[in-house]
Amino acid sequence: MALRTNPSPNPSPAAAPPRLPRNAGPVLRVTAYDRVSSLLMAMIAAVTLAAVMAIGWWLTTRPPPPPEQLVPLEIVDVDGGYEDGSPDETLRVESPEPERFNASLVEAATADDTPAVASTIANVMTASGRASQMGMAVSDEPVETNDIESTGVPGSARGTGGRPLGLGGGTTGGVPRELRWFVKFSDGVSVEEYARQLDFFEIELGVLSADGTLTYVSKLSSPQPVTRKVQSGKDEKRLYFRWQGGERKGADEALLRKAGIMDRGTIFHFYSPKTENLLATLEARATSRKLREVRRTYFNVIRTAKDYTFVVARQTFLR
């Protein structure tokens, strides 16, 4: 009897993976790499912020730089020459004094030196204001004066006999300080700050009246400036300037009215020997050329962190 076997049913297929919903997005996970990179970026941001804060604190709390200490130089000034002269010539001047190699108009320079040749205020009036000027305008006319004082080393220097190049009609050539220096104060500052600048540089105002009376005004930034009068300026030996242009002349008049001076006479700026020596030192350091070759030196007044200073704006030369 044949055995009948029933066909075995189809084996069940392997279990299929669960199906995700059709609208499900990708699965995101935070890896160790993500954690490390985030930590590094946070550290960099913190260090940068700390550095910026430290720099800002340093900029706002650092002390101002110390003022530049100018070592006094031995500066022998020139007494002038002639525009048609030669740079290598000096006038031959006969003198009973023995010839000296270092004979000059000025002794060894010190912080308290006064101008070697000083013209009087009275001679300035007779010379029609042809003294040294303040401002940017230029005048080549020298101060004609018969009242000079020499404070130099006694002796004589043998000249070449020709006319030296320069201005002012001197014997050694070059341009004397009273014709060479031009000082410019900023027109953009207030009268009060301008007065503080004058006091800082020990600059004294002076007014020469028609009768020859000279009135000095100092301590200009104080509520009541100090005034004093002399009958003439014959004993004045300081370097002085007069206005040639600019708006600061009106500020001088305002300061004089503040001091109770209504006289509209000639206004002068008298520089202390200390300030004059500062200008001479700055001028000498501003160029490598000889002093007798300098035609004009223009100084500007600028403000520093705590006070004021002079700077050499530009220089021109004879040739």
C-alpha atoms as a PDB file:
ATOM      1  CA  MET A   1       0.000   0.000   0.000  1.00  0.00           C
ATOM      2  CA  ALA A   2       1.518   3.159  -1.131  1.00  0.00           C
ATOM      3  CA  LEU A   3       1.986   5.754   1.415  1.00  0.00           C
ATOM      4  CA  ARG A   4       0.698   9.165   0.636  1.00  0.00           C
ATOM      5  CA  THR A   5       2.661  11.984   1.923  1.00  0.00           C
ATOM      6  CA  ASN A   6       1.234  15.397   2.349  1.00  0.00           C
ATOM      7  CA  PRO A   7       3.414  18.175   0.953  1.00  0.00           C
ATOM      8  CA  SER A   8       5.083  20.143   3.675  1.00  0.00           C
ATOM      9  CA  PRO A   9       3.806  23.657   4.005  1.00  0.00           C
ATOM     10  CA  ASN A  10       6.036  26.555   2.801  1.00  0.00           C
ATOM     11  CA  PRO A  11       8.548  27.577   5.452  1.00  0.00           C
ATOM     12  CA  SER A  12       7.730  30.893   7.063  1.00  0.00           C
ATOM     13  CA  PRO A  13       9.905  33.727   5.780  1.00  0.00           C
ATOM     14  CA  ALA A  14      12.501  35.407   8.080  1.00  0.00           C
ATOM     15  CA  ALA A  15      11.160  38.109  10.356  1.00  0.00           C
ATOM     16  CA  ALA A  16      11.252  41.473   8.498  1.00  0.00           C
ATOM     17  CA  PRO A  17      12.735  44.586  10.300  1.00  0.00           C
ATOM     18  CA  PRO A  18      10.180  46.951  11.703  1.00  0.00           C
ATOM     19  CA  ARG A  19       9.119  49.577   9.270  1.00  0.00           C
ATOM     20  CA  LEU A  20       9.525  53.249  10.180  1.00  0.00           C
ATOM     21  CA  PRO A  21       6.760  55.639   9.537  1.00  0.00           C
ATOM     22  CA  ARG A  22       7.042  57.287   6.193  1.00  0.00           C
ATOM     23  CA  ASN A  23       7.249  60.810   7.733  1.00  0.00           C
ATOM     24  CA  ALA A  24      10.031  60.037  10.272  1.00  0.00           C
ATOM     25  CA  GLY A  25      13.271  62.126  10.024  1.00  0.00           C
ATOM     26  CA  PRO A  26      16.908  61.114  10.499  1.00  0.00           C
ATOM     27  CA  VAL A  27      18.032  60.181  13.938  1.00  0.00           C
ATOM     28  CA  LEU A  28      20.592  62.687  15.471  1.00  0.00           C
ATOM     29  CA  ARG A  29      23.002  61.769  18.187  1.00  0.00           C
ATOM     30  CA  VAL A  30      25.692  63.773  20.066  1.00  0.00           C
ATOM     31  CA  THR A  31      28.989  62.075  19.548  1.00  0.00           C
ATOM     32  CA  ALA A  32      32.193  62.393  21.542  1.00  0.00           C
ATOM     33  CA  TYR A  33      33.677  64.480  18.713  1.00  0.00           C
ATOM     34  CA  ASP A  34      30.837  66.963  19.030  1.00  0.00           C
ATOM     35  CA  ARG A  35      31.397  67.275  22.746  1.00  0.00           C
ATOM     36  CA  VAL A  36      35.146  67.918  22.380  1.00  0.00           C
ATOM     37  CA  SER A  37      34.769  70.481  19.566  1.00  0.00           C
ATOM     38  CA  SER A  38      32.095  72.383  21.501  1.00  0.00           C
ATOM     39  CA  LEU A  39      34.333  72.508  24.556  1.00  0.00           C
ATOM     40  CA  LEU A  40      37.263  73.829  22.510  1.00  0.00           C
ATOM     41  CA  MET A  41      35.155  76.571  20.890  1.00  0.00           C
ATOM     42  CA  ALA A  42      33.827  77.661  24.266  1.00  0.00           C
ATOM     43  CA  MET A  43      37.357  77.846  25.666  1.00  0.00           C
ATOM     44  CA  ILE A  44      38.590  79.904  22.686  1.00  0.00           C
ATOM     45  CA  ALA A  45      35.687  82.335  23.051  1.00  0.00           C
ATOM     46  CA  ALA A  46      36.356  82.729  26.778  1.00  0.00           C
ATOM     47  CA  VAL A  47      40.077  83.360  26.248  1.00  0.00           C
ATOM     48  CA  THR A  48      39.353  85.926  23.506  1.00  0.00           C
ATOM     49  CA  LEU A  49      36.869  87.776  25.697  1.00  0.00           C
ATOM     50  CA  ALA A  50      39.311  87.803  28.604  1.00  0.00           C
ATOM     51  CA  ALA A  51      42.091  89.155  26.363  1.00  0.00           C
ATOM     52  CA  VAL A  52      39.869  91.952  25.040  1.00  0.00           C
ATOM     53  CA  MET A  53      38.856  92.921  28.565  1.00  0.00           C
ATOM     54  CA  ALA A  54      42.483  92.880  29.748  1.00  0.00           C
ATOM     55  CA  ILE A  55      43.609  95.110  26.858  1.00  0.00           C
ATOM     56  CA  GLY A  56      40.759  97.530  27.518  1.00  0.00           C
ATOM     57  CA  TRP A  57      41.627  97.712  31.208  1.00  0.00           C
ATOM     58  CA  TRP A  58      45.302  98.337  30.390  1.00  0.00           C
ATOM     59  CA  LEU A  59      44.494 101.117  27.918  1.00  0.00           C
ATOM     60  CA  THR A  60      42.247 102.917  30.399  1.00  0.00           C
ATOM     61  CA  THR A  61      44.482 102.584  33.457  1.00  0.00           C
ATOM     62  CA  ARG A  62      48.048 102.820  32.111  1.00  0.00           C
ATOM     63  CA  PRO A  63      50.036 105.886  33.214  1.00  0.00           C
ATOM     64  CA  PRO A  64      50.867 108.506  30.588  1.00  0.00           C
ATOM     65  CA  PRO A  65      54.261 108.180  28.937  1.00  0.00           C
ATOM     66  CA  PRO A  66      56.975 110.206  30.630  1.00  0.00           C
ATOM     67  CA  PRO A  67      57.861 113.439  28.857  1.00  0.00           C
ATOM     68  CA  GLU A  68      60.825 113.296  26.565  1.00  0.00           C
ATOM     69  CA  GLN A  69      63.919 114.459  28.365  1.00  0.00           C
ATOM     70  CA  LEU A  70      65.786 116.774  26.032  1.00  0.00           C
ATOM     71  CA  VAL A  71      69.462 116.800  26.847  1.00  0.00           C
ATOM     72  CA  PRO A  72      70.716 120.393  26.575  1.00  0.00           C
ATOM     73  CA  LEU A  73      72.900 120.903  23.535  1.00  0.00           C
ATOM     74  CA  GLU A  74      75.747 123.335  23.145  1.00  0.00           C
ATOM     75  CA  ILE A  75      74.119 125.644  20.621  1.00  0.00           C
ATOM     76  CA  VAL A  76      76.084 128.567  19.234  1.00  0.00           C
ATOM     77  CA  ASP A  77      73.597 130.833  17.511  1.00  0.00           C
ATOM     78  CA  VAL A  78      74.296 132.904  14.417  1.00  0.00           C
ATOM     79  CA  ASP A  79      74.050 136.672  14.150  1.00  0.00           C
ATOM     80  CA  GLY A  80      72.935 137.014  10.540  1.00  0.00           C
ATOM     81  CA  GLY A  81      74.281 137.712   7.093  1.00  0.00           C
ATOM     82  CA  TYR A  82      73.243 138.975   3.666  1.00  0.00           C
ATOM     83  CA  GLU A  83      70.986 137.453   1.033  1.00  0.00           C
ATOM     84  CA  ASP A  84      73.568 138.063  -1.685  1.00  0.00           C
ATOM     85  CA  GLY A  85      76.379 136.652   0.431  1.00  0.00           C
ATOM     86  CA  SER A  86      78.270 133.397   0.185  1.00  0.00           C
ATOM     87  CA  PRO A  87      77.740 130.443   2.553  1.00  0.00           C
ATOM     88  CA  ASP A  88      81.497 130.112   3.118  1.00  0.00           C
ATOM     89  CA  GLU A  89      82.225 133.768   3.857  1.00  0.00           C
ATOM     90  CA  THR A  90      82.441 135.688   7.134  1.00  0.00           C
ATOM     91  CA  LEU A  91      83.118 139.379   7.567  1.00  0.00           C
ATOM     92  CA  ARG A  92      86.613 140.315   8.647  1.00  0.00           C
ATOM     93  CA  VAL A  93      86.256 142.365  11.829  1.00  0.00           C
ATOM     94  CA  GLU A  94      89.267 144.067  13.356  1.00  0.00           C
ATOM     95  CA  SER A  95      89.445 143.639  17.125  1.00  0.00           C
ATOM     96  CA  PRO A  96      91.998 144.484  19.797  1.00  0.00           C
ATOM     97  CA  GLU A  97      91.213 141.177  21.496  1.00  0.00           C
ATOM     98  CA  PRO A  98      93.446 138.176  20.754  1.00  0.00           C
ATOM     99  CA  GLU A  99      92.143 135.734  18.191  1.00  0.00           C
ATOM    100  CA  ARG A 100      90.415 132.706  19.702  1.00  0.00           C
ATOM    101  CA  PHE A 101      89.206 129.572  18.011  1.00  0.00           C
ATOM    102  CA  ASN A 102      85.969 129.525  20.042  1.00  0.00           C
ATOM    103  CA  ALA A 103      85.237 133.252  19.933  1.00  0.00           C
ATOM    104  CA  SER A 104      81.485 133.586  19.585  1.00  0.00           C
ATOM    105  CA  LEU A 105      78.476 135.653  20.513  1.00  0.00           C
ATOM    106  CA  VAL A 106      77.331 133.157  23.108  1.00  0.00           C
ATOM    107  CA  GLU A 107      79.085 131.428  25.962  1.00  0.00           C
ATOM    108  CA  ALA A 108      78.687 127.718  26.585  1.00  0.00           C
ATOM    109  CA  ALA A 109      74.988 126.978  26.421  1.00  0.00           C
ATOM    110  CA  THR A 110      73.126 126.471  29.643  1.00  0.00           C
ATOM    111  CA  ALA A 111      69.480 126.116  30.529  1.00  0.00           C
ATOM    112  CA  ASP A 112      69.439 129.797  31.625  1.00  0.00           C
ATOM    113  CA  ASP A 113      71.150 131.377  28.603  1.00  0.00           C
ATOM    114  CA  THR A 114      69.699 134.647  27.353  1.00  0.00           C
ATOM    115  CA  PRO A 115      69.751 135.776  23.722  1.00  0.00           C
ATOM    116  CA  ALA A 116      73.206 136.766  22.610  1.00  0.00           C
ATOM    117  CA  VAL A 117      71.955 139.898  20.841  1.00  0.00           C
ATOM    118  CA  ALA A 118      68.836 141.463  22.305  1.00  0.00           C
ATOM    119  CA  SER A 119      67.137 144.493  20.767  1.00  0.00           C
ATOM    120  CA  THR A 120      65.156 146.801  23.015  1.00  0.00           C
ATOM    121  CA  ILE A 121      61.426 147.362  22.869  1.00  0.00           C
ATOM    122  CA  ALA A 122      61.912 151.044  22.072  1.00  0.00           C
ATOM    123  CA  ASN A 123      63.958 150.167  19.004  1.00  0.00           C
ATOM    124  CA  VAL A 124      61.196 147.843  17.863  1.00  0.00           C
ATOM    125  CA  MET A 125      58.805 150.757  17.696  1.00  0.00           C
ATOM    126  CA  THR A 126      61.269 152.882  15.740  1.00  0.00           C
ATOM    127  CA  ALA A 127      61.853 149.965  13.395  1.00  0.00           C
ATOM    128  CA  SER A 128      58.112 149.954  12.585  1.00  0.00           C
ATOM    129  CA  GLY A 129      57.505 146.517  13.958  1.00  0.00           C
ATOM    130  CA  ARG A 130      60.164 144.728  11.960  1.00  0.00           C
ATOM    131  CA  ALA A 131      60.932 142.413  14.855  1.00  0.00           C
ATOM    132  CA  SER A 132      60.509 138.669  14.913  1.00  0.00           C
ATOM    133  CA  GLN A 133      56.967 137.727  14.005  1.00  0.00           C
ATOM    134  CA  MET A 134      54.412 135.206  15.186  1.00  0.00           C
ATOM    135  CA  GLY A 135      52.147 133.337  12.806  1.00  0.00           C
ATOM    136  CA  MET A 136      52.610 131.922   9.345  1.00  0.00           C
ATOM    137  CA  ALA A 137      53.385 135.100   7.416  1.00  0.00           C
ATOM    138  CA  VAL A 138      57.017 135.676   6.487  1.00  0.00           C
ATOM    139  CA  SER A 139      58.973 138.904   6.515  1.00  0.00           C
ATOM    140  CA  ASP A 140      62.609 139.138   5.482  1.00  0.00           C
ATOM    141  CA  GLU A 141      63.208 142.594   6.922  1.00  0.00           C
ATOM    142  CA  PRO A 142      65.594 142.572   9.889  1.00  0.00           C
ATOM    143  CA  VAL A 143      65.286 144.487  13.121  1.00  0.00           C
ATOM    144  CA  GLU A 144      67.405 147.619  12.892  1.00  0.00           C
ATOM    145  CA  THR A 145      68.802 148.392  16.306  1.00  0.00           C
ATOM    146  CA  ASN A 146      71.734 150.263  17.739  1.00  0.00           C
ATOM    147  CA  ASP A 147      71.298 148.943  21.272  1.00  0.00           C
ATOM    148  CA  ILE A 148      72.682 145.438  21.543  1.00  0.00           C
ATOM    149  CA  GLU A 149      74.349 143.497  24.280  1.00  0.00           C
ATOM    150  CA  SER A 150      77.005 140.898  23.617  1.00  0.00           C
ATOM    151  CA  THR A 151      77.397 138.157  26.201  1.00  0.00           C
ATOM    152  CA  GLY A 152      79.926 136.103  24.276  1.00  0.00           C
ATOM    153  CA  VAL A 153      83.449 134.893  24.848  1.00  0.00           C
ATOM    154  CA  PRO A 154      85.790 137.880  24.496  1.00  0.00           C
ATOM    155  CA  GLY A 155      88.166 137.581  21.626  1.00  0.00           C
ATOM    156  CA  SER A 156      88.146 137.866  17.882  1.00  0.00           C
ATOM    157  CA  ALA A 157      87.682 135.467  15.016  1.00  0.00           C
ATOM    158  CA  ARG A 158      89.482 136.142  11.748  1.00  0.00           C
ATOM    159  CA  GLY A 159      86.917 136.307   8.939  1.00  0.00           C
ATOM    160  CA  THR A 160      87.406 135.662   5.254  1.00  0.00           C
ATOM    161  CA  GLY A 161      86.474 139.217   4.313  1.00  0.00           C
ATOM    162  CA  GLY A 162      83.376 138.455   2.211  1.00  0.00           C
ATOM    163  CA  ARG A 163      79.691 138.977   2.904  1.00  0.00           C
ATOM    164  CA  PRO A 164      78.212 135.884   4.611  1.00  0.00           C
ATOM    165  CA  LEU A 165      74.946 134.370   3.402  1.00  0.00           C
ATOM    166  CA  GLY A 166      71.923 135.007   5.594  1.00  0.00           C
ATOM    167  CA  LEU A 167      69.580 137.713   6.854  1.00  0.00           C
ATOM    168  CA  GLY A 168      69.928 140.456   9.419  1.00  0.00           C
ATOM    169  CA  GLY A 169      73.250 141.931   8.361  1.00  0.00           C
ATOM    170  CA  GLY A 170      75.516 140.037  10.763  1.00  0.00           C
ATOM    171  CA  THR A 171      79.088 138.889  10.417  1.00  0.00           C
ATOM    172  CA  THR A 172      78.941 135.092  10.740  1.00  0.00           C
ATOM    173  CA  GLY A 173      76.105 134.310   8.329  1.00  0.00           C
ATOM    174  CA  GLY A 174      72.770 132.615   8.831  1.00  0.00           C
ATOM    175  CA  VAL A 175      69.548 134.075  10.188  1.00  0.00           C
ATOM    176  CA  PRO A 176      69.273 135.228  13.830  1.00  0.00           C
ATOM    177  CA  ARG A 177      66.590 133.693  16.011  1.00  0.00           C
ATOM    178  CA  GLU A 178      64.379 136.759  16.076  1.00  0.00           C
ATOM    179  CA  LEU A 179      64.018 136.501  12.290  1.00  0.00           C
ATOM    180  CA  ARG A 180      64.218 132.718  12.011  1.00  0.00           C
ATOM    181  CA  TRP A 181      61.617 131.457  14.462  1.00  0.00           C
ATOM    182  CA  PHE A 182      57.871 131.436  13.865  1.00  0.00           C
ATOM    183  CA  VAL A 183      55.524 130.108  16.560  1.00  0.00           C
ATOM    184  CA  LYS A 184      51.935 129.118  15.781  1.00  0.00           C
ATOM    185  CA  PHE A 185      49.267 128.544  18.407  1.00  0.00           C
ATOM    186  CA  SER A 186      46.179 126.595  17.394  1.00  0.00           C
ATOM    187  CA  ASP A 187      43.195 128.724  16.429  1.00  0.00           C
ATOM    188  CA  GLY A 188      40.770 126.012  17.539  1.00  0.00           C
ATOM    189  CA  VAL A 189      41.290 126.201  21.300  1.00  0.00           C
ATOM    190  CA  SER A 190      39.378 128.338  23.772  1.00  0.00           C
ATOM    191  CA  VAL A 191      40.781 131.484  25.326  1.00  0.00           C
ATOM    192  CA  GLU A 192      41.051 129.664  28.672  1.00  0.00           C
ATOM    193  CA  GLU A 193      43.146 126.837  27.226  1.00  0.00           C
ATOM    194  CA  TYR A 194      45.260 129.328  25.303  1.00  0.00           C
ATOM    195  CA  ALA A 195      45.973 131.119  28.595  1.00  0.00           C
ATOM    196  CA  ARG A 196      47.023 127.805  30.162  1.00  0.00           C
ATOM    197  CA  GLN A 197      49.416 127.238  27.264  1.00  0.00           C
ATOM    198  CA  LEU A 198      51.041 130.626  27.782  1.00  0.00           C
ATOM    199  CA  ASP A 199      51.426 130.011  31.521  1.00  0.00           C
ATOM    200  CA  PHE A 200      52.844 126.532  30.951  1.00  0.00           C
ATOM    201  CA  PHE A 201      55.566 127.852  28.649  1.00  0.00           C
ATOM    202  CA  GLU A 202      56.262 130.821  30.966  1.00  0.00           C
ATOM    203  CA  ILE A 203      55.263 133.293  28.269  1.00  0.00           C
ATOM    204  CA  GLU A 204      54.467 136.770  29.540  1.00  0.00           C
ATOM    205  CA  LEU A 205      52.317 139.233  27.611  1.00  0.00           C
ATOM    206  CA  GLY A 206      53.452 142.804  27.220  1.00  0.00           C
ATOM    207  CA  VAL A 207      51.698 145.914  25.936  1.00  0.00           C
ATOM    208  CA  LEU A 208      53.736 148.884  24.782  1.00  0.00           C
ATOM    209  CA  SER A 209      51.795 152.134  25.019  1.00  0.00           C
ATOM    210  CA  ALA A 210      52.329 155.178  22.847  1.00  0.00           C
ATOM    211  CA  ASP A 211      54.044 156.995  25.730  1.00  0.00           C
ATOM    212  CA  GLY A 212      56.661 154.236  26.023  1.00  0.00           C
ATOM    213  CA  THR A 213      55.168 152.565  29.105  1.00  0.00           C
ATOM    214  CA  LEU A 214      55.440 148.783  28.999  1.00  0.00           C
ATOM    215  CA  THR A 215      52.843 146.744  30.907  1.00  0.00           C
ATOM    216  CA  TYR A 216      53.569 143.076  31.643  1.00  0.00           C
ATOM    217  CA  VAL A 217      50.818 140.526  32.281  1.00  0.00           C
ATOM    218  CA  SER A 218      51.498 137.062  33.744  1.00  0.00           C
ATOM    219  CA  LYS A 219      49.526 134.210  35.353  1.00  0.00           C
ATOM    220  CA  LEU A 220      47.014 134.585  32.554  1.00  0.00           C
ATOM    221  CA  SER A 221      44.947 131.521  33.462  1.00  0.00           C
ATOM    222  CA  SER A 222      44.213 132.772  36.984  1.00  0.00           C
ATOM    223  CA  PRO A 223      40.978 134.664  37.738  1.00  0.00           C
ATOM    224  CA  GLN A 224      42.982 137.865  38.182  1.00  0.00           C
ATOM    225  CA  PRO A 225      46.210 138.028  36.122  1.00  0.00           C
ATOM    226  CA  VAL A 226      49.241 139.755  37.611  1.00  0.00           C
ATOM    227  CA  THR A 227      50.300 143.049  36.016  1.00  0.00           C
ATOM    228  CA  ARG A 228      53.324 145.284  36.424  1.00  0.00           C
ATOM    229  CA  LYS A 229      54.522 148.393  34.626  1.00  0.00           C
ATOM    230  CA  VAL A 230      57.898 149.796  33.652  1.00  0.00           C
ATOM    231  CA  GLN A 231      58.628 153.164  32.128  1.00  0.00           C
ATOM    232  CA  SER A 232      60.546 151.722  29.178  1.00  0.00           C
ATOM    233  CA  GLY A 233      61.714 148.442  27.748  1.00  0.00           C
ATOM    234  CA  LYS A 234      65.394 149.310  27.579  1.00  0.00           C
ATOM    235  CA  ASP A 235      66.283 146.717  30.225  1.00  0.00           C
ATOM    236  CA  GLU A 236      64.327 143.889  28.565  1.00  0.00           C
ATOM    237  CA  LYS A 237      66.696 141.200  27.277  1.00  0.00           C
ATOM    238  CA  ARG A 238      64.319 138.287  26.752  1.00  0.00           C
ATOM    239  CA  LEU A 239      63.400 136.899  23.367  1.00  0.00           C
ATOM    240  CA  TYR A 240      60.083 138.334  22.244  1.00  0.00           C
ATOM    241  CA  PHE A 241      57.613 137.892  19.395  1.00  0.00           C
ATOM    242  CA  ARG A 242      54.887 139.965  17.798  1.00  0.00           C
ATOM    243  CA  TRP A 243      51.792 138.854  15.953  1.00  0.00           C
ATOM    244  CA  GLN A 244      51.907 138.674  12.161  1.00  0.00           C
ATOM    245  CA  GLY A 245      48.557 136.951  11.609  1.00  0.00           C
ATOM    246  CA  GLY A 246      46.062 134.398  12.883  1.00  0.00           C
ATOM    247  CA  GLU A 247      43.127 134.577  15.260  1.00  0.00           C
ATOM    248  CA  ARG A 248      45.082 134.328  18.512  1.00  0.00           C
ATOM    249  CA  LYS A 249      45.745 138.059  18.595  1.00  0.00           C
ATOM    250  CA  GLY A 250      42.085 138.520  19.528  1.00  0.00           C
ATOM    251  CA  ALA A 251      42.623 136.053  22.378  1.00  0.00           C
ATOM    252  CA  ASP A 252      45.527 138.186  23.624  1.00  0.00           C
ATOM    253  CA  GLU A 253      43.287 141.233  23.630  1.00  0.00           C
ATOM    254  CA  ALA A 254      40.647 139.294  25.589  1.00  0.00           C
ATOM    255  CA  LEU A 255      43.251 138.271  28.180  1.00  0.00           C
ATOM    256  CA  LEU A 256      44.429 141.862  28.477  1.00  0.00           C
ATOM    257  CA  ARG A 257      40.873 143.047  29.058  1.00  0.00           C
ATOM    258  CA  LYS A 258      40.561 140.354  31.720  1.00  0.00           C
ATOM    259  CA  ALA A 259      43.581 141.923  33.421  1.00  0.00           C
ATOM    260  CA  GLY A 260      41.960 145.360  33.210  1.00  0.00           C
ATOM    261  CA  ILE A 261      44.179 146.676  30.401  1.00  0.00           C
ATOM    262  CA  MET A 262      42.215 148.529  27.736  1.00  0.00           C
ATOM    263  CA  ASP A 263      45.212 150.060  25.976  1.00  0.00           C
ATOM    264  CA  ARG A 264      45.348 148.856  22.380  1.00  0.00           C
ATOM    265  CA  GLY A 265      49.104 149.180  22.083  1.00  0.00           C
ATOM    266  CA  THR A 266      51.627 146.845  20.534  1.00  0.00           C
ATOM    267  CA  ILE A 267      51.346 143.336  22.009  1.00  0.00           C
ATOM    268  CA  PHE A 268      54.462 141.270  22.669  1.00  0.00           C
ATOM    269  CA  HIS A 269      55.107 137.722  23.858  1.00  0.00           C
ATOM    270  CA  PHE A 270      58.169 137.497  26.115  1.00  0.00           C
ATOM    271  CA  TYR A 271      59.740 134.039  26.304  1.00  0.00           C
ATOM    272  CA  SER A 272      61.648 132.860  29.345  1.00  0.00           C
ATOM    273  CA  PRO A 273      65.254 131.687  28.829  1.00  0.00           C
ATOM    274  CA  LYS A 274      64.089 128.145  29.628  1.00  0.00           C
ATOM    275  CA  THR A 275      61.517 128.173  26.828  1.00  0.00           C
ATOM    276  CA  GLU A 276      63.955 129.781  24.411  1.00  0.00           C
ATOM    277  CA  ASN A 277      66.478 127.043  25.129  1.00  0.00           C
ATOM    278  CA  LEU A 278      63.766 124.418  24.541  1.00  0.00           C
ATOM    279  CA  LEU A 279      62.990 125.890  21.116  1.00  0.00           C
ATOM    280  CA  ALA A 280      66.683 126.022  20.240  1.00  0.00           C
ATOM    281  CA  THR A 281      67.149 122.382  21.228  1.00  0.00           C
ATOM    282  CA  LEU A 282      64.133 121.223  19.219  1.00  0.00           C
ATOM    283  CA  GLU A 283      65.314 123.190  16.203  1.00  0.00           C
ATOM    284  CA  ALA A 284      68.802 121.711  16.352  1.00  0.00           C
ATOM    285  CA  ARG A 285      67.441 118.169  16.624  1.00  0.00           C
ATOM    286  CA  ALA A 286      65.038 118.633  13.701  1.00  0.00           C
ATOM    287  CA  THR A 287      67.712 118.875  11.017  1.00  0.00           C
ATOM    288  CA  SER A 288      71.130 117.487  10.247  1.00  0.00           C
ATOM    289  CA  ARG A 289      72.161 120.651   8.408  1.00  0.00           C
ATOM    290  CA  LYS A 290      74.163 123.476   9.922  1.00  0.00           C
ATOM    291  CA  LEU A 291      72.280 126.098  11.891  1.00  0.00           C
ATOM    292  CA  ARG A 292      73.571 128.888   9.660  1.00  0.00           C
ATOM    293  CA  GLU A 293      71.781 127.244   6.713  1.00  0.00           C
ATOM    294  CA  VAL A 294      68.324 127.416   8.338  1.00  0.00           C
ATOM    295  CA  ARG A 295      66.159 130.236   6.999  1.00  0.00           C
ATOM    296  CA  ARG A 296      62.903 129.572   8.870  1.00  0.00           C
ATOM    297  CA  THR A 297      61.837 127.194  11.625  1.00  0.00           C
ATOM    298  CA  TYR A 298      58.100 126.886  12.245  1.00  0.00           C
ATOM    299  CA  PHE A 299      56.968 125.654  15.666  1.00  0.00           C
ATOM    300  CA  ASN A 300      53.475 124.424  16.531  1.00  0.00           C
ATOM    301  CA  VAL A 301      52.009 124.058  20.014  1.00  0.00           C
ATOM    302  CA  ILE A 302      50.305 120.693  20.606  1.00  0.00           C
ATOM    303  CA  ARG A 303      48.615 119.112  23.575  1.00  0.00           C
ATOM    304  CA  THR A 304      50.057 116.009  25.246  1.00  0.00           C
ATOM    305  CA  ALA A 305      48.457 113.649  27.749  1.00  0.00           C
ATOM    306  CA  LYS A 306      48.996 116.049  30.655  1.00  0.00           C
ATOM    307  CA  ASP A 307      50.279 119.364  29.321  1.00  0.00           C
ATOM    308  CA  TYR A 308      51.651 120.978  26.151  1.00  0.00           C
ATOM    309  CA  THR A 309      54.781 120.929  24.058  1.00  0.00           C
ATOM    310  CA  PHE A 310      56.361 122.515  21.007  1.00  0.00           C
ATOM    311  CA  VAL A 311      57.024 120.567  17.818  1.00  0.00           C
ATOM    312  CA  VAL A 312      58.935 121.604  14.727  1.00  0.00           C
ATOM    313  CA  ALA A 313      56.343 121.719  11.946  1.00  0.00           C
ATOM    314  CA  ARG A 314      58.753 122.438   9.100  1.00  0.00           C
ATOM    315  CA  GLN A 315      61.965 124.186   8.206  1.00  0.00           C
ATOM    316  CA  THR A 316      63.196 126.085   5.175  1.00  0.00           C
ATOM    317  CA  PHE A 317      66.795 126.714   4.240  1.00  0.00           C
ATOM    318  CA  LEU A 318      68.791 129.466   2.600  1.00  0.00           C
ATOM    319  CA  ARG A 319      70.068 127.252  -0.217  1.00  0.00           C
END
